Amino acid sequence: MKKTIVIFALLILALLLVFQIGKYAMVSGDLKTEIVVAGIAIVFFFVGIYINKKSLQKQNTPSEEINHKKIEALGITNREYEVLQHISLGLSNKEIADKLYLSESTIKTHVSNLLVKLNAKRRIQAMQIAKKLQII
């Protein structure tokens, strides 16, 4: 984060310097307006390329490996894990019940057990915890 702030501060400083040089050149009459505008456009072009290059870089993502030992340590059963996977897809209890051929109340029980085991209050929080623990 600090590196990004320093880079943007330096870019802003460079742009300010270009503007000041352009202003001085125009006041002194040594430079035409078109040349100043072209210089500023070139600077903005390279700044845009730099920012685009930085924004398109892939973020360092943690490995996609599922931590099966953590699943066992939490005491999550196979069926609860199936329900957790369906929750991660954004399915409702009814949709999960239809896919797993179970009743909706059974799914609610599994979701409730998952919330307790993951120490979460809501499904979204459970998903965040599961991703952090690399079990989903």
Protein backbone atom coordinates (compact mmCIF):
# COMPACT_ATOMS: atom_id res chain seq x y z
CA MET A 1 0.00 0.00 0.00
CA LYS A 2 2.80 2.42 0.88
CA LYS A 3 4.55 1.62 -2.41
CA THR A 4 1.41 2.53 -4.36
CA ILE A 5 1.05 5.82 -2.50
CA VAL A 6 4.69 6.72 -3.16
CA ILE A 7 4.36 5.86 -6.86
CA PHE A 8 1.25 7.99 -7.27
CA ALA A 9 2.86 10.86 -5.34
CA LEU A 10 5.86 10.72 -7.67
CA LEU A 11 3.57 10.66 -10.72
CA ILE A 12 1.68 13.69 -9.46
CA LEU A 13 4.97 15.47 -8.75
CA ALA A 14 6.21 14.67 -12.26
CA LEU A 15 2.99 16.01 -13.79
CA LEU A 16 3.25 19.17 -11.72
CA LEU A 17 6.83 19.64 -12.89
CA VAL A 18 5.78 19.23 -16.53
CA PHE A 19 3.02 21.81 -16.07
CA GLN A 20 5.43 24.28 -14.45
CA ILE A 21 8.01 23.84 -17.20
CA GLY A 22 5.28 24.30 -19.79
CA LYS A 23 4.02 27.43 -18.07
CA TYR A 24 7.54 28.89 -17.89
CA ALA A 25 8.21 28.08 -21.53
CA MET A 26 4.98 29.73 -22.62
CA VAL A 27 5.55 32.85 -20.53
CA SER A 28 9.08 33.28 -21.80
CA GLY A 29 7.85 32.78 -25.38
CA ASP A 30 10.36 30.06 -26.18
CA LEU A 31 7.83 27.34 -26.83
CA LYS A 32 4.67 27.09 -28.86
CA THR A 33 1.37 25.96 -27.33
CA GLU A 34 1.20 22.88 -29.53
CA ILE A 35 4.53 21.58 -28.26
CA VAL A 36 3.49 22.04 -24.60
CA VAL A 37 0.17 20.27 -25.21
CA ALA A 38 1.96 17.45 -27.04
CA GLY A 39 4.45 17.06 -24.18
CA ILE A 40 1.69 16.91 -21.59
CA ALA A 41 -0.23 14.42 -23.75
CA ILE A 42 2.84 12.18 -24.00
CA VAL A 43 3.32 12.27 -20.23
CA PHE A 44 -0.35 11.36 -19.67
CA PHE A 45 -0.05 8.60 -22.26
CA PHE A 46 2.83 6.95 -20.41
CA VAL A 47 1.15 7.44 -17.03
CA GLY A 48 -1.97 5.76 -18.45
CA ILE A 49 0.07 2.83 -19.77
CA TYR A 50 1.77 2.45 -16.39
CA ILE A 51 -1.50 2.53 -14.44
CA ASN A 52 -3.14 0.10 -16.89
CA LYS A 53 -0.21 -2.29 -16.58
CA LYS A 54 -0.40 -2.19 -12.77
CA SER A 55 -4.18 -2.65 -12.68
CA LEU A 56 -4.09 -5.68 -14.99
CA GLN A 57 -1.50 -7.55 -12.95
CA LYS A 58 -2.94 -10.62 -11.31
CA GLN A 59 -3.24 -10.51 -7.57
CA ASN A 60 -1.36 -13.12 -5.58
CA THR A 61 -4.09 -15.59 -4.80
CA PRO A 62 -3.61 -18.29 -2.22
CA SER A 63 -3.34 -21.79 -3.53
CA GLU A 64 -6.58 -23.41 -4.57
CA GLU A 65 -5.70 -26.52 -2.57
CA ILE A 66 -8.45 -27.58 -0.18
CA ASN A 67 -7.30 -28.19 3.37
CA HIS A 68 -8.91 -31.58 4.16
CA LYS A 69 -7.23 -31.78 7.56
CA LYS A 70 -8.94 -28.55 8.59
CA ILE A 71 -12.31 -29.97 7.48
CA GLU A 72 -11.76 -33.02 9.70
CA ALA A 73 -10.51 -30.85 12.58
CA LEU A 74 -13.69 -28.77 12.45
CA GLY A 75 -15.80 -31.94 12.46
CA ILE A 76 -17.61 -31.12 9.22
CA THR A 77 -19.34 -34.19 7.81
CA ASN A 78 -19.36 -35.09 4.13
CA ARG A 79 -23.00 -34.01 3.76
CA GLU A 80 -22.35 -30.71 5.54
CA TYR A 81 -19.40 -30.14 3.24
CA GLU A 82 -21.65 -30.76 0.21
CA VAL A 83 -24.09 -28.20 1.60
CA LEU A 84 -21.20 -25.76 2.15
CA GLN A 85 -20.11 -26.17 -1.46
CA HIS A 86 -23.64 -25.44 -2.66
CA ILE A 87 -23.84 -22.40 -0.38
CA SER A 88 -20.62 -21.14 -1.99
CA LEU A 89 -22.41 -21.27 -5.34
CA GLY A 90 -25.07 -18.95 -3.93
CA LEU A 91 -27.90 -21.47 -3.83
CA SER A 92 -30.82 -21.09 -1.45
CA ASN A 93 -31.86 -23.81 1.01
CA LYS A 94 -34.65 -24.92 -1.32
CA GLU A 95 -32.32 -25.16 -4.31
CA ILE A 96 -29.77 -27.13 -2.29
CA ALA A 97 -32.52 -29.45 -1.06
CA ASP A 98 -33.64 -30.09 -4.64
CA LYS A 99 -30.10 -30.83 -5.82
CA LEU A 100 -29.26 -33.16 -2.93
CA TYR A 101 -32.72 -34.79 -2.81
CA LEU A 102 -33.24 -33.80 0.82
CA SER A 103 -35.91 -31.86 2.63
CA GLU A 104 -35.48 -28.15 3.19
CA SER A 105 -35.54 -28.62 6.97
CA THR A 106 -32.61 -31.07 6.70
CA ILE A 107 -30.65 -28.46 4.76
CA LYS A 108 -31.50 -25.86 7.41
CA THR A 109 -30.13 -28.23 10.05
CA HIS A 110 -26.91 -28.75 8.08
CA VAL A 111 -26.53 -24.99 7.56
CA SER A 112 -27.12 -24.42 11.27
CA ASN A 113 -24.47 -27.02 12.14
CA LEU A 114 -22.02 -25.41 9.69
CA LEU A 115 -22.58 -21.98 11.23
CA VAL A 116 -21.82 -23.40 14.68
CA LYS A 117 -18.73 -25.31 13.51
CA LEU A 118 -17.36 -22.31 11.60
CA ASN A 119 -18.30 -19.92 14.41
CA ALA A 120 -20.30 -17.73 12.04
CA LYS A 121 -23.57 -15.86 12.42
CA ARG A 122 -24.58 -15.75 8.76
CA ARG A 123 -24.02 -17.75 5.59
CA ILE A 124 -21.86 -15.02 4.08
CA GLN A 125 -19.66 -14.92 7.15
CA ALA A 126 -19.40 -18.72 7.02
CA MET A 127 -18.22 -18.49 3.41
CA GLN A 128 -15.59 -15.89 4.32
CA ILE A 129 -14.30 -18.09 7.13
CA ALA A 130 -14.33 -21.17 4.90
CA LYS A 131 -12.31 -19.36 2.22
CA LYS A 132 -9.86 -18.08 4.80
CA LEU A 133 -9.41 -21.62 6.15
CA GLN A 134 -9.08 -22.89 2.54
CA ILE A 135 -11.82 -25.45 2.92
CA ILE A 136 -13.88 -24.18 0.01
